[in-house]
Amino acid sequence: MLTPGRHYVNTAVRVAVNFQDDDRVDVDPATVTFKLFSPVGTTTSYVYNTDAALKKSSVGDYYIDVTPDQSGRWHYRWESTGTNTVIAIEGSFVVQRSPFYEDTQDAYR
């Protein structure tokens, strides 16, 4: 069983978003893009209807399961376009250092 709120190297992390218009009604934007920024500065982008990893669960609700390959703080950004739906939402999560996947010689002394 995983510890709630903790993320580990090579374990999937689900990142979800909900898009709403000014009246707080769920809407599907014209485009939805997800950007993931790794601890070493690499950015990967995913676009809905282009990349199979980016999925829609219901009107306005999208998610992606990412599998971080290293520890550290990962940043993400959701972007959307369309009438009354131009939105950017950012966040981050921390992946714990793992002695199974990384050199942790100094991390646990």
PDB file of N, CA and C in Angstrom:
ATOM      1  N   MET A   1       0.843  -1.174   0.000  1.00  0.00           N
ATOM      2  CA  MET A   1       0.000   0.000   0.000  1.00  0.00           C
ATOM      3  C   MET A   1       0.891   1.240   0.000  1.00  0.00           C
ATOM      4  N   LEU A   2       0.570   2.212  -0.847  1.00  0.00           N
ATOM      5  CA  LEU A   2       1.337   3.440  -0.913  1.00  0.00           C
ATOM      6  C   LEU A   2       0.916   4.406   0.186  1.00  0.00           C
ATOM      7  N   THR A   3       1.862   5.173   0.653  1.00  0.00           N
ATOM      8  CA  THR A   3       1.571   6.190   1.646  1.00  0.00           C
ATOM      9  C   THR A   3       0.804   7.324   0.971  1.00  0.00           C
ATOM     10  N   PRO A   4      -0.352   7.725   1.500  1.00  0.00           N
ATOM     11  CA  PRO A   4      -1.129   8.793   0.868  1.00  0.00           C
ATOM     12  C   PRO A   4      -0.312  10.070   0.729  1.00  0.00           C
ATOM     13  N   GLY A   5      -0.412  10.686  -0.433  1.00  0.00           N
ATOM     14  CA  GLY A   5       0.274  11.947  -0.661  1.00  0.00           C
ATOM     15  C   GLY A   5       1.729  11.822  -1.054  1.00  0.00           C
ATOM     16  N   ARG A   6       2.254  10.621  -1.127  1.00  0.00           N
ATOM     17  CA  ARG A   6       3.649  10.427  -1.531  1.00  0.00           C
ATOM     18  C   ARG A   6       3.701   9.828  -2.922  1.00  0.00           C
ATOM     19  N   HIS A   7       4.703  10.263  -3.677  1.00  0.00           N
ATOM     20  CA  HIS A   7       4.907   9.745  -5.025  1.00  0.00           C
ATOM     21  C   HIS A   7       6.313   9.175  -5.092  1.00  0.00           C
ATOM     22  N   TYR A   8       6.459   8.095  -5.848  1.00  0.00           N
ATOM     23  CA  TYR A   8       7.734   7.399  -5.932  1.00  0.00           C
ATOM     24  C   TYR A   8       8.185   7.259  -7.378  1.00  0.00           C
ATOM     25  N   VAL A   9       9.493   7.141  -7.577  1.00  0.00           N
ATOM     26  CA  VAL A   9      10.077   6.959  -8.893  1.00  0.00           C
ATOM     27  C   VAL A   9       9.459   5.733  -9.567  1.00  0.00           C
ATOM     28  N   ASN A  10       9.156   5.860 -10.846  1.00  0.00           N
ATOM     29  CA  ASN A  10       8.591   4.797 -11.688  1.00  0.00           C
ATOM     30  C   ASN A  10       7.220   4.309 -11.217  1.00  0.00           C
ATOM     31  N   THR A  11       6.475   5.176 -10.536  1.00  0.00           N
ATOM     32  CA  THR A  11       5.107   4.881 -10.123  1.00  0.00           C
ATOM     33  C   THR A  11       4.201   5.966 -10.691  1.00  0.00           C
ATOM     34  N   ALA A  12       3.108   5.565 -11.314  1.00  0.00           N
ATOM     35  CA  ALA A  12       2.225   6.524 -11.989  1.00  0.00           C
ATOM     36  C   ALA A  12       1.628   7.544 -11.023  1.00  0.00           C
ATOM     37  N   VAL A  13       1.543   8.776 -11.503  1.00  0.00           N
ATOM     38  CA  VAL A  13       0.910   9.877 -10.786  1.00  0.00           C
ATOM     39  C   VAL A  13      -0.193  10.417 -11.697  1.00  0.00           C
ATOM     40  N   ARG A  14      -1.419  10.456 -11.196  1.00  0.00           N
ATOM     41  CA  ARG A  14      -2.526  11.004 -11.983  1.00  0.00           C
ATOM     42  C   ARG A  14      -2.653  12.496 -11.693  1.00  0.00           C
ATOM     43  N   VAL A  15      -2.668  13.283 -12.768  1.00  0.00           N
ATOM     44  CA  VAL A  15      -2.850  14.736 -12.664  1.00  0.00           C
ATOM     45  C   VAL A  15      -4.143  15.065 -13.403  1.00  0.00           C
ATOM     46  N   ALA A  16      -5.093  15.630 -12.678  1.00  0.00           N
ATOM     47  CA  ALA A  16      -6.420  15.905 -13.251  1.00  0.00           C
ATOM     48  C   ALA A  16      -6.713  17.397 -13.229  1.00  0.00           C
ATOM     49  N   VAL A  17      -7.649  17.793 -14.093  1.00  0.00           N
ATOM     50  CA  VAL A  17      -8.058  19.195 -14.163  1.00  0.00           C
ATOM     51  C   VAL A  17      -9.539  19.256 -14.525  1.00  0.00           C
ATOM     52  N   ASN A  18     -10.170  20.355 -14.105  1.00  0.00           N
ATOM     53  CA  ASN A  18     -11.558  20.615 -14.466  1.00  0.00           C
ATOM     54  C   ASN A  18     -11.627  22.017 -15.062  1.00  0.00           C
ATOM     55  N   PHE A  19     -12.199  22.123 -16.268  1.00  0.00           N
ATOM     56  CA  PHE A  19     -12.356  23.410 -16.928  1.00  0.00           C
ATOM     57  C   PHE A  19     -13.808  23.865 -16.806  1.00  0.00           C
ATOM     58  N   GLN A  20     -13.982  25.129 -16.413  1.00  0.00           N
ATOM     59  CA  GLN A  20     -15.307  25.717 -16.269  1.00  0.00           C
ATOM     60  C   GLN A  20     -15.331  27.090 -16.916  1.00  0.00           C
ATOM     61  N   ASP A  21     -16.530  27.519 -17.337  1.00  0.00           N
ATOM     62  CA  ASP A  21     -16.666  28.866 -17.870  1.00  0.00           C
ATOM     63  C   ASP A  21     -16.873  29.851 -16.722  1.00  0.00           C
ATOM     64  N   ASP A  22     -17.129  31.110 -17.045  1.00  0.00           N
ATOM     65  CA  ASP A  22     -17.289  32.143 -16.022  1.00  0.00           C
ATOM     66  C   ASP A  22     -18.472  31.895 -15.098  1.00  0.00           C
ATOM     67  N   ASP A  23     -19.447  31.096 -15.555  1.00  0.00           N
ATOM     68  CA  ASP A  23     -20.615  30.775 -14.738  1.00  0.00           C
ATOM     69  C   ASP A  23     -20.431  29.490 -13.941  1.00  0.00           C
ATOM     70  N   ARG A  24     -19.211  28.971 -13.932  1.00  0.00           N
ATOM     71  CA  ARG A  24     -18.862  27.731 -13.222  1.00  0.00           C
ATOM     72  C   ARG A  24     -19.572  26.487 -13.756  1.00  0.00           C
ATOM     73  N   VAL A  25     -19.790  26.511 -15.058  1.00  0.00           N
ATOM     74  CA  VAL A  25     -20.377  25.359 -15.743  1.00  0.00           C
ATOM     75  C   VAL A  25     -19.231  24.620 -16.438  1.00  0.00           C
ATOM     76  N   ASP A  26     -19.174  23.304 -16.266  1.00  0.00           N
ATOM     77  CA  ASP A  26     -18.124  22.518 -16.912  1.00  0.00           C
ATOM     78  C   ASP A  26     -18.205  22.663 -18.422  1.00  0.00           C
ATOM     79  N   VAL A  27     -17.055  22.910 -19.046  1.00  0.00           N
ATOM     80  CA  VAL A  27     -16.992  23.089 -20.497  1.00  0.00           C
ATOM     81  C   VAL A  27     -15.786  22.360 -21.061  1.00  0.00           C
ATOM     82  N   ASP A  28     -15.905  21.980 -22.327  1.00  0.00           N
ATOM     83  CA  ASP A  28     -14.777  21.412 -23.050  1.00  0.00           C
ATOM     84  C   ASP A  28     -14.146  22.513 -23.890  1.00  0.00           C
ATOM     85  N   PRO A  29     -12.897  22.859 -23.600  1.00  0.00           N
ATOM     86  CA  PRO A  29     -12.208  23.875 -24.389  1.00  0.00           C
ATOM     87  C   PRO A  29     -11.959  23.393 -25.819  1.00  0.00           C
ATOM     88  N   ALA A  30     -11.632  24.315 -26.698  1.00  0.00           N
ATOM     89  CA  ALA A  30     -11.296  23.948 -28.076  1.00  0.00           C
ATOM     90  C   ALA A  30     -10.025  23.101 -28.108  1.00  0.00           C
ATOM     91  N   THR A  31      -9.041  23.470 -27.285  1.00  0.00           N
ATOM     92  CA  THR A  31      -7.823  22.673 -27.166  1.00  0.00           C
ATOM     93  C   THR A  31      -7.452  22.530 -25.701  1.00  0.00           C
ATOM     94  N   VAL A  32      -6.840  21.402 -25.374  1.00  0.00           N
ATOM     95  CA  VAL A  32      -6.326  21.158 -24.027  1.00  0.00           C
ATOM     96  C   VAL A  32      -4.897  20.650 -24.181  1.00  0.00           C
ATOM     97  N   THR A  33      -3.976  21.323 -23.499  1.00  0.00           N
ATOM     98  CA  THR A  33      -2.569  20.939 -23.532  1.00  0.00           C
ATOM     99  C   THR A  33      -2.074  20.753 -22.108  1.00  0.00           C
ATOM    100  N   PHE A  34      -1.274  19.719 -21.894  1.00  0.00           N
ATOM    101  CA  PHE A  34      -0.655  19.455 -20.601  1.00  0.00           C
ATOM    102  C   PHE A  34       0.852  19.506 -20.797  1.00  0.00           C
ATOM    103  N   LYS A  35       1.539  20.278 -19.960  1.00  0.00           N
ATOM    104  CA  LYS A  35       2.999  20.365 -20.016  1.00  0.00           C
ATOM    105  C   LYS A  35       3.576  19.886 -18.698  1.00  0.00           C
ATOM    106  N   LEU A  36       4.615  19.051 -18.790  1.00  0.00           N
ATOM    107  CA  LEU A  36       5.273  18.496 -17.614  1.00  0.00           C
ATOM    108  C   LEU A  36       6.734  18.916 -17.642  1.00  0.00           C
ATOM    109  N   PHE A  37       7.196  19.529 -16.551  1.00  0.00           N
ATOM    110  CA  PHE A  37       8.557  20.038 -16.426  1.00  0.00           C
ATOM    111  C   PHE A  37       9.274  19.215 -15.364  1.00  0.00           C
ATOM    112  N   SER A  38      10.321  18.495 -15.761  1.00  0.00           N
ATOM    113  CA  SER A  38      11.038  17.586 -14.865  1.00  0.00           C
ATOM    114  C   SER A  38      12.010  18.348 -13.967  1.00  0.00           C
ATOM    115  N   PRO A  39      12.508  17.695 -12.918  1.00  0.00           N
ATOM    116  CA  PRO A  39      13.483  18.332 -12.024  1.00  0.00           C
ATOM    117  C   PRO A  39      14.792  18.737 -12.719  1.00  0.00           C
ATOM    118  N   VAL A  40      15.097  18.140 -13.860  1.00  0.00           N
ATOM    119  CA  VAL A  40      16.331  18.494 -14.572  1.00  0.00           C
ATOM    120  C   VAL A  40      16.073  19.467 -15.719  1.00  0.00           C
ATOM    121  N   GLY A  41      14.844  19.983 -15.827  1.00  0.00           N
ATOM    122  CA  GLY A  41      14.554  21.028 -16.797  1.00  0.00           C
ATOM    123  C   GLY A  41      14.013  20.598 -18.144  1.00  0.00           C
ATOM    124  N   THR A  42      13.601  19.354 -18.282  1.00  0.00           N
ATOM    125  CA  THR A  42      13.024  18.884 -19.530  1.00  0.00           C
ATOM    126  C   THR A  42      11.518  19.115 -19.523  1.00  0.00           C
ATOM    127  N   THR A  43      10.986  19.680 -20.611  1.00  0.00           N
ATOM    128  CA  THR A  43       9.544  19.890 -20.731  1.00  0.00           C
ATOM    129  C   THR A  43       8.978  18.940 -21.778  1.00  0.00           C
ATOM    130  N   THR A  44       7.892  18.257 -21.420  1.00  0.00           N
ATOM    131  CA  THR A  44       7.181  17.380 -22.340  1.00  0.00           C
ATOM    132  C   THR A  44       5.756  17.884 -22.446  1.00  0.00           C
ATOM    133  N   SER A  45       5.230  17.983 -23.664  1.00  0.00           N
ATOM    134  CA  SER A  45       3.870  18.475 -23.884  1.00  0.00           C
ATOM    135  C   SER A  45       2.983  17.372 -24.450  1.00  0.00           C
ATOM    136  N   TYR A  46       1.718  17.395 -24.017  1.00  0.00           N
ATOM    137  CA  TYR A  46       0.715  16.455 -24.496  1.00  0.00           C
ATOM    138  C   TYR A  46      -0.512  17.262 -24.911  1.00  0.00           C
ATOM    139  N   VAL A  47      -1.131  16.891 -26.031  1.00  0.00           N
ATOM    140  CA  VAL A  47      -2.305  17.595 -26.535  1.00  0.00           C
ATOM    141  C   VAL A  47      -3.458  16.603 -26.648  1.00  0.00           C
ATOM    142  N   TYR A  48      -4.618  17.001 -26.117  1.00  0.00           N
ATOM    143  CA  TYR A  48      -5.798  16.133 -26.192  1.00  0.00           C
ATOM    144  C   TYR A  48      -6.193  15.925 -27.654  1.00  0.00           C
ATOM    145  N   ASN A  49      -6.574  14.718 -27.988  1.00  0.00           N
ATOM    146  CA  ASN A  49      -6.940  14.260 -29.333  1.00  0.00           C
ATOM    147  C   ASN A  49      -5.732  14.068 -30.238  1.00  0.00           C
ATOM    148  N   THR A  50      -4.536  14.299 -29.717  1.00  0.00           N
ATOM    149  CA  THR A  50      -3.302  14.022 -30.452  1.00  0.00           C
ATOM    150  C   THR A  50      -2.490  12.961 -29.718  1.00  0.00           C
ATOM    151  N   ASP A  51      -2.387  13.117 -28.401  1.00  0.00           N
ATOM    152  CA  ASP A  51      -1.618  12.188 -27.572  1.00  0.00           C
ATOM    153  C   ASP A  51      -2.576  11.321 -26.746  1.00  0.00           C
ATOM    154  N   ALA A  52      -2.487  10.021 -26.929  1.00  0.00           N
ATOM    155  CA  ALA A  52      -3.394   9.084 -26.253  1.00  0.00           C
ATOM    156  C   ALA A  52      -3.287   9.139 -24.733  1.00  0.00           C
ATOM    157  N   ALA A  53      -2.173   9.601 -24.206  1.00  0.00           N
ATOM    158  CA  ALA A  53      -1.993   9.641 -22.752  1.00  0.00           C
ATOM    159  C   ALA A  53      -2.912  10.651 -22.076  1.00  0.00           C
ATOM    160  N   LEU A  54      -3.300  11.692 -22.798  1.00  0.00           N
ATOM    161  CA  LEU A  54      -4.168  12.733 -22.250  1.00  0.00           C
ATOM    162  C   LEU A  54      -5.616  12.339 -22.526  1.00  0.00           C
ATOM    163  N   LYS A  55      -6.379  12.119 -21.441  1.00  0.00           N
ATOM    164  CA  LYS A  55      -7.728  11.558 -21.563  1.00  0.00           C
ATOM    165  C   LYS A  55      -8.785  12.493 -20.984  1.00  0.00           C
ATOM    166  N   LYS A  56     -10.020  12.274 -21.446  1.00  0.00           N
ATOM    167  CA  LYS A  56     -11.177  13.030 -20.966  1.00  0.00           C
ATOM    168  C   LYS A  56     -12.102  12.052 -20.261  1.00  0.00           C
ATOM    169  N   SER A  57     -12.523  12.392 -19.020  1.00  0.00           N
ATOM    170  CA  SER A  57     -13.412  11.493 -18.282  1.00  0.00           C
ATOM    171  C   SER A  57     -14.870  11.949 -18.346  1.00  0.00           C
ATOM    172  N   SER A  58     -15.110  13.248 -18.499  1.00  0.00           N
ATOM    173  CA  SER A  58     -16.459  13.785 -18.676  1.00  0.00           C
ATOM    174  C   SER A  58     -16.324  15.229 -19.141  1.00  0.00           C
ATOM    175  N   VAL A  59     -17.427  15.905 -19.366  1.00  0.00           N
ATOM    176  CA  VAL A  59     -17.379  17.286 -19.844  1.00  0.00           C
ATOM    177  C   VAL A  59     -16.541  18.133 -18.881  1.00  0.00           C
ATOM    178  N   GLY A  60     -15.489  18.745 -19.410  1.00  0.00           N
ATOM    179  CA  GLY A  60     -14.635  19.620 -18.626  1.00  0.00           C
ATOM    180  C   GLY A  60     -13.566  18.930 -17.799  1.00  0.00           C
ATOM    181  N   ASP A  61     -13.620  17.604 -17.695  1.00  0.00           N
ATOM    182  CA  ASP A  61     -12.689  16.859 -16.843  1.00  0.00           C
ATOM    183  C   ASP A  61     -11.685  16.068 -17.683  1.00  0.00           C
ATOM    184  N   TYR A  62     -10.408  16.376 -17.468  1.00  0.00           N
ATOM    185  CA  TYR A  62      -9.320  15.730 -18.197  1.00  0.00           C
ATOM    186  C   TYR A  62      -8.277  15.236 -17.202  1.00  0.00           C
ATOM    187  N   TYR A  63      -7.502  14.236 -17.621  1.00  0.00           N
ATOM    188  CA  TYR A  63      -6.441  13.732 -16.755  1.00  0.00           C
ATOM    189  C   TYR A  63      -5.347  13.091 -17.580  1.00  0.00           C
ATOM    190  N   ILE A  64      -4.217  12.934 -16.928  1.00  0.00           N
ATOM    191  CA  ILE A  64      -3.096  12.227 -17.530  1.00  0.00           C
ATOM    192  C   ILE A  64      -2.384  11.464 -16.420  1.00  0.00           C
ATOM    193  N   ASP A  65      -1.934  10.274 -16.719  1.00  0.00           N
ATOM    194  CA  ASP A  65      -1.119   9.494 -15.795  1.00  0.00           C
ATOM    195  C   ASP A  65       0.324   9.590 -16.273  1.00  0.00           C
ATOM    196  N   VAL A  66       1.172  10.175 -15.460  1.00  0.00           N
ATOM    197  CA  VAL A  66       2.588  10.302 -15.800  1.00  0.00           C
ATOM    198  C   VAL A  66       3.399   9.422 -14.866  1.00  0.00           C
ATOM    199  N   THR A  67       4.521   8.941 -15.352  1.00  0.00           N
ATOM    200  CA  THR A  67       5.387   8.077 -14.547  1.00  0.00           C
ATOM    201  C   THR A  67       6.758   8.733 -14.420  1.00  0.00           C
ATOM    202  N   PRO A  68       6.979   9.462 -13.331  1.00  0.00           N
ATOM    203  CA  PRO A  68       8.255  10.147 -13.135  1.00  0.00           C
ATOM    204  C   PRO A  68       9.412   9.158 -13.035  1.00  0.00           C
ATOM    205  N   ASP A  69      10.501   9.471 -13.720  1.00  0.00           N
ATOM    206  CA  ASP A  69      11.647   8.569 -13.726  1.00  0.00           C
ATOM    207  C   ASP A  69      12.789   9.048 -12.837  1.00  0.00           C
ATOM    208  N   GLN A  70      12.522  10.088 -12.032  1.00  0.00           N
ATOM    209  CA  GLN A  70      13.537  10.580 -11.114  1.00  0.00           C
ATOM    210  C   GLN A  70      12.869  11.344  -9.977  1.00  0.00           C
ATOM    211  N   SER A  71      13.592  11.480  -8.886  1.00  0.00           N
ATOM    212  CA  SER A  71      13.039  12.186  -7.736  1.00  0.00           C
ATOM    213  C   SER A  71      13.179  13.691  -7.926  1.00  0.00           C
ATOM    214  N   GLY A  72      12.448  14.426  -7.111  1.00  0.00           N
ATOM    215  CA  GLY A  72      12.507  15.880  -7.147  1.00  0.00           C
ATOM    216  C   GLY A  72      11.131  16.478  -7.372  1.00  0.00           C
ATOM    217  N   ARG A  73      11.091  17.794  -7.516  1.00  0.00           N
ATOM    218  CA  ARG A  73       9.826  18.502  -7.748  1.00  0.00           C
ATOM    219  C   ARG A  73       9.543  18.557  -9.244  1.00  0.00           C
ATOM    220  N   TRP A  74       8.379  18.056  -9.624  1.00  0.00           N
ATOM    221  CA  TRP A  74       7.882  18.086 -10.994  1.00  0.00           C
ATOM    222  C   TRP A  74       6.801  19.163 -11.073  1.00  0.00           C
ATOM    223  N   HIS A  75       6.876  20.004 -12.090  1.00  0.00           N
ATOM    224  CA  HIS A  75       5.884  21.062 -12.294  1.00  0.00           C
ATOM    225  C   HIS A  75       5.034  20.709 -13.510  1.00  0.00           C
ATOM    226  N   TYR A  76       3.764  21.114 -13.458  1.00  0.00           N
ATOM    227  CA  TYR A  76       2.897  20.884 -14.614  1.00  0.00           C
ATOM    228  C   TYR A  76       2.059  22.118 -14.891  1.00  0.00           C
ATOM    229  N   ARG A  77       1.560  22.181 -16.106  1.00  0.00           N
ATOM    230  CA  ARG A  77       0.720  23.294 -16.531  1.00  0.00           C
ATOM    231  C   ARG A  77      -0.336  22.766 -17.496  1.00  0.00           C
ATOM    232  N   TRP A  78      -1.591  23.054 -17.200  1.00  0.00           N
ATOM    233  CA  TRP A  78      -2.703  22.789 -18.102  1.00  0.00           C
ATOM    234  C   TRP A  78      -2.996  24.087 -18.843  1.00  0.00           C
ATOM    235  N   GLU A  79      -3.196  24.011 -20.145  1.00  0.00           N
ATOM    236  CA  GLU A  79      -3.559  25.179 -20.938  1.00  0.00           C
ATOM    237  C   GLU A  79      -4.753  24.829 -21.804  1.00  0.00           C
ATOM    238  N   SER A  80      -5.651  25.797 -21.971  1.00  0.00           N
ATOM    239  CA  SER A  80      -6.804  25.572 -22.833  1.00  0.00           C
ATOM    240  C   SER A  80      -7.055  26.806 -23.677  1.00  0.00           C
ATOM    241  N   THR A  81      -7.735  26.602 -24.799  1.00  0.00           N
ATOM    242  CA  THR A  81      -8.154  27.704 -25.655  1.00  0.00           C
ATOM    243  C   THR A  81      -9.612  27.501 -26.031  1.00  0.00           C
ATOM    244  N   GLY A  82     -10.236  28.580 -26.486  1.00  0.00           N
ATOM    245  CA  GLY A  82     -11.628  28.523 -26.913  1.00  0.00           C
ATOM    246  C   GLY A  82     -12.397  29.689 -26.318  1.00  0.00           C
ATOM    247  N   THR A  83     -13.598  29.888 -26.798  1.00  0.00           N
ATOM    248  CA  THR A  83     -14.439  30.976 -26.319  1.00  0.00           C
ATOM    249  C   THR A  83     -14.740  30.810 -24.837  1.00  0.00           C
ATOM    250  N   ASN A  84     -14.397  31.809 -24.047  1.00  0.00           N
ATOM    251  CA  ASN A  84     -14.626  31.816 -22.597  1.00  0.00           C
ATOM    252  C   ASN A  84     -13.922  30.678 -21.863  1.00  0.00           C
ATOM    253  N   THR A  85     -12.929  30.055 -22.466  1.00  0.00           N
ATOM    254  CA  THR A  85     -12.252  28.938 -21.808  1.00  0.00           C
ATOM    255  C   THR A  85     -10.735  29.041 -21.894  1.00  0.00           C
ATOM    256  N   VAL A  86     -10.196  30.234 -22.057  1.00  0.00           N
ATOM    257  CA  VAL A  86      -8.748  30.395 -22.086  1.00  0.00           C
ATOM    258  C   VAL A  86      -8.272  30.382 -20.633  1.00  0.00           C
ATOM    259  N   ILE A  87      -7.664  29.271 -20.269  1.00  0.00           N
ATOM    260  CA  ILE A  87      -7.305  29.039 -18.876  1.00  0.00           C
ATOM    261  C   ILE A  87      -5.911  28.429 -18.812  1.00  0.00           C
ATOM    262  N   ALA A  88      -5.158  28.790 -17.790  1.00  0.00           N
ATOM    263  CA  ALA A  88      -3.891  28.133 -17.492  1.00  0.00           C
ATOM    264  C   ALA A  88      -3.913  27.783 -16.008  1.00  0.00           C
ATOM    265  N   ILE A  89      -3.623  26.541 -15.709  1.00  0.00           N
ATOM    266  CA  ILE A  89      -3.605  26.062 -14.328  1.00  0.00           C
ATOM    267  C   ILE A  89      -2.271  25.365 -14.106  1.00  0.00           C
ATOM    268  N   GLU A  90      -1.552  25.781 -13.069  1.00  0.00           N
ATOM    269  CA  GLU A  90      -0.257  25.188 -12.791  1.00  0.00           C
ATOM    270  C   GLU A  90      -0.231  24.532 -11.417  1.00  0.00           C
ATOM    271  N   GLY A  91       0.667  23.588 -11.264  1.00  0.00           N
ATOM    272  CA  GLY A  91       0.840  22.918  -9.983  1.00  0.00           C
ATOM    273  C   GLY A  91       2.137  22.134  -9.996  1.00  0.00           C
ATOM    274  N   SER A  92       2.353  21.396  -8.925  1.00  0.00           N
ATOM    275  CA  SER A  92       3.561  20.579  -8.840  1.00  0.00           C
ATOM    276  C   SER A  92       3.329  19.420  -7.877  1.00  0.00           C
ATOM    277  N   PHE A  93       4.221  18.455  -7.946  1.00  0.00           N
ATOM    278  CA  PHE A  93       4.231  17.353  -6.988  1.00  0.00           C
ATOM    279  C   PHE A  93       5.681  16.940  -6.779  1.00  0.00           C
ATOM    280  N   VAL A  94       5.938  16.332  -5.646  1.00  0.00           N
ATOM    281  CA  VAL A  94       7.299  15.920  -5.305  1.00  0.00           C
ATOM    282  C   VAL A  94       7.392  14.397  -5.364  1.00  0.00           C
ATOM    283  N   VAL A  95       8.432  13.922  -6.026  1.00  0.00           N
ATOM    284  CA  VAL A  95       8.701  12.487  -6.110  1.00  0.00           C
ATOM    285  C   VAL A  95       9.833  12.189  -5.131  1.00  0.00           C
ATOM    286  N   GLN A  96       9.593  11.213  -4.262  1.00  0.00           N
ATOM    287  CA  GLN A  96      10.557  10.843  -3.230  1.00  0.00           C
ATOM    288  C   GLN A  96      11.793  10.186  -3.848  1.00  0.00           C
ATOM    289  N   ARG A  97      12.924  10.414  -3.241  1.00  0.00           N
ATOM    290  CA  ARG A  97      14.162   9.756  -3.662  1.00  0.00           C
ATOM    291  C   ARG A  97      14.050   8.268  -3.354  1.00  0.00           C
ATOM    292  N   SER A  98      14.556   7.422  -4.247  1.00  0.00           N
ATOM    293  CA  SER A  98      14.449   5.980  -4.072  1.00  0.00           C
ATOM    294  C   SER A  98      15.820   5.322  -4.170  1.00  0.00           C
ATOM    295  N   PRO A  99      16.192   4.531  -3.161  1.00  0.00           N
ATOM    296  CA  PRO A  99      17.467   3.821  -3.230  1.00  0.00           C
ATOM    297  C   PRO A  99      17.445   2.711  -4.287  1.00  0.00           C
ATOM    298  N   PHE A 100      16.260   2.385  -4.785  1.00  0.00           N
ATOM    299  CA  PHE A 100      16.146   1.334  -5.793  1.00  0.00           C
ATOM    300  C   PHE A 100      16.428   1.856  -7.196  1.00  0.00           C
ATOM    301  N   TYR A 101      16.273   3.162  -7.422  1.00  0.00           N
ATOM    302  CA  TYR A 101      16.405   3.721  -8.761  1.00  0.00           C
ATOM    303  C   TYR A 101      17.445   4.824  -8.886  1.00  0.00           C
ATOM    304  N   GLU A 102      17.947   5.339  -7.755  1.00  0.00           N
ATOM    305  CA  GLU A 102      18.878   6.452  -7.834  1.00  0.00           C
ATOM    306  C   GLU A 102      20.035   6.251  -6.867  1.00  0.00           C
ATOM    307  N   ASP A 103      21.108   6.942  -7.124  1.00  0.00           N
ATOM    308  CA  ASP A 103      22.235   6.919  -6.200  1.00  0.00           C
ATOM    309  C   ASP A 103      21.830   7.752  -4.989  1.00  0.00           C
ATOM    310  N   THR A 104      21.612   7.093  -3.886  1.00  0.00           N
ATOM    311  CA  THR A 104      21.169   7.789  -2.668  1.00  0.00           C
ATOM    312  C   THR A 104      22.218   7.682  -1.586  1.00  0.00           C
ATOM    313  N   GLN A 105      23.427   7.504  -1.961  1.00  0.00           N
ATOM    314  CA  GLN A 105      24.511   7.288  -1.007  1.00  0.00           C
ATOM    315  C   GLN A 105      24.527   8.358   0.091  1.00  0.00           C
ATOM    316  N   ASP A 106      24.349   9.606  -0.284  1.00  0.00           N
ATOM    317  CA  ASP A 106      24.408  10.680   0.712  1.00  0.00           C
ATOM    318  C   ASP A 106      23.040  11.054   1.254  1.00  0.00           C
ATOM    319  N   ALA A 107      21.982  10.617   0.647  1.00  0.00           N
ATOM    320  CA  ALA A 107      20.636  11.070   1.006  1.00  0.00           C
ATOM    321  C   ALA A 107      20.134  10.477   2.339  1.00  0.00           C
ATOM    322  N   TYR A 108      20.616   9.299   2.703  1.00  0.00           N
ATOM    323  CA  TYR A 108      20.059   8.630   3.877  1.00  0.00           C
ATOM    324  C   TYR A 108      21.074   8.452   5.000  1.00  0.00           C
ATOM    325  N   ARG A 109      22.103   9.242   5.023  1.00  0.00           N
ATOM    326  CA  ARG A 109      23.104   9.127   6.077  1.00  0.00           C
ATOM    327  C   ARG A 109      22.763   9.993   7.238  1.00  0.00           C
TER     328      ARG A 109
END
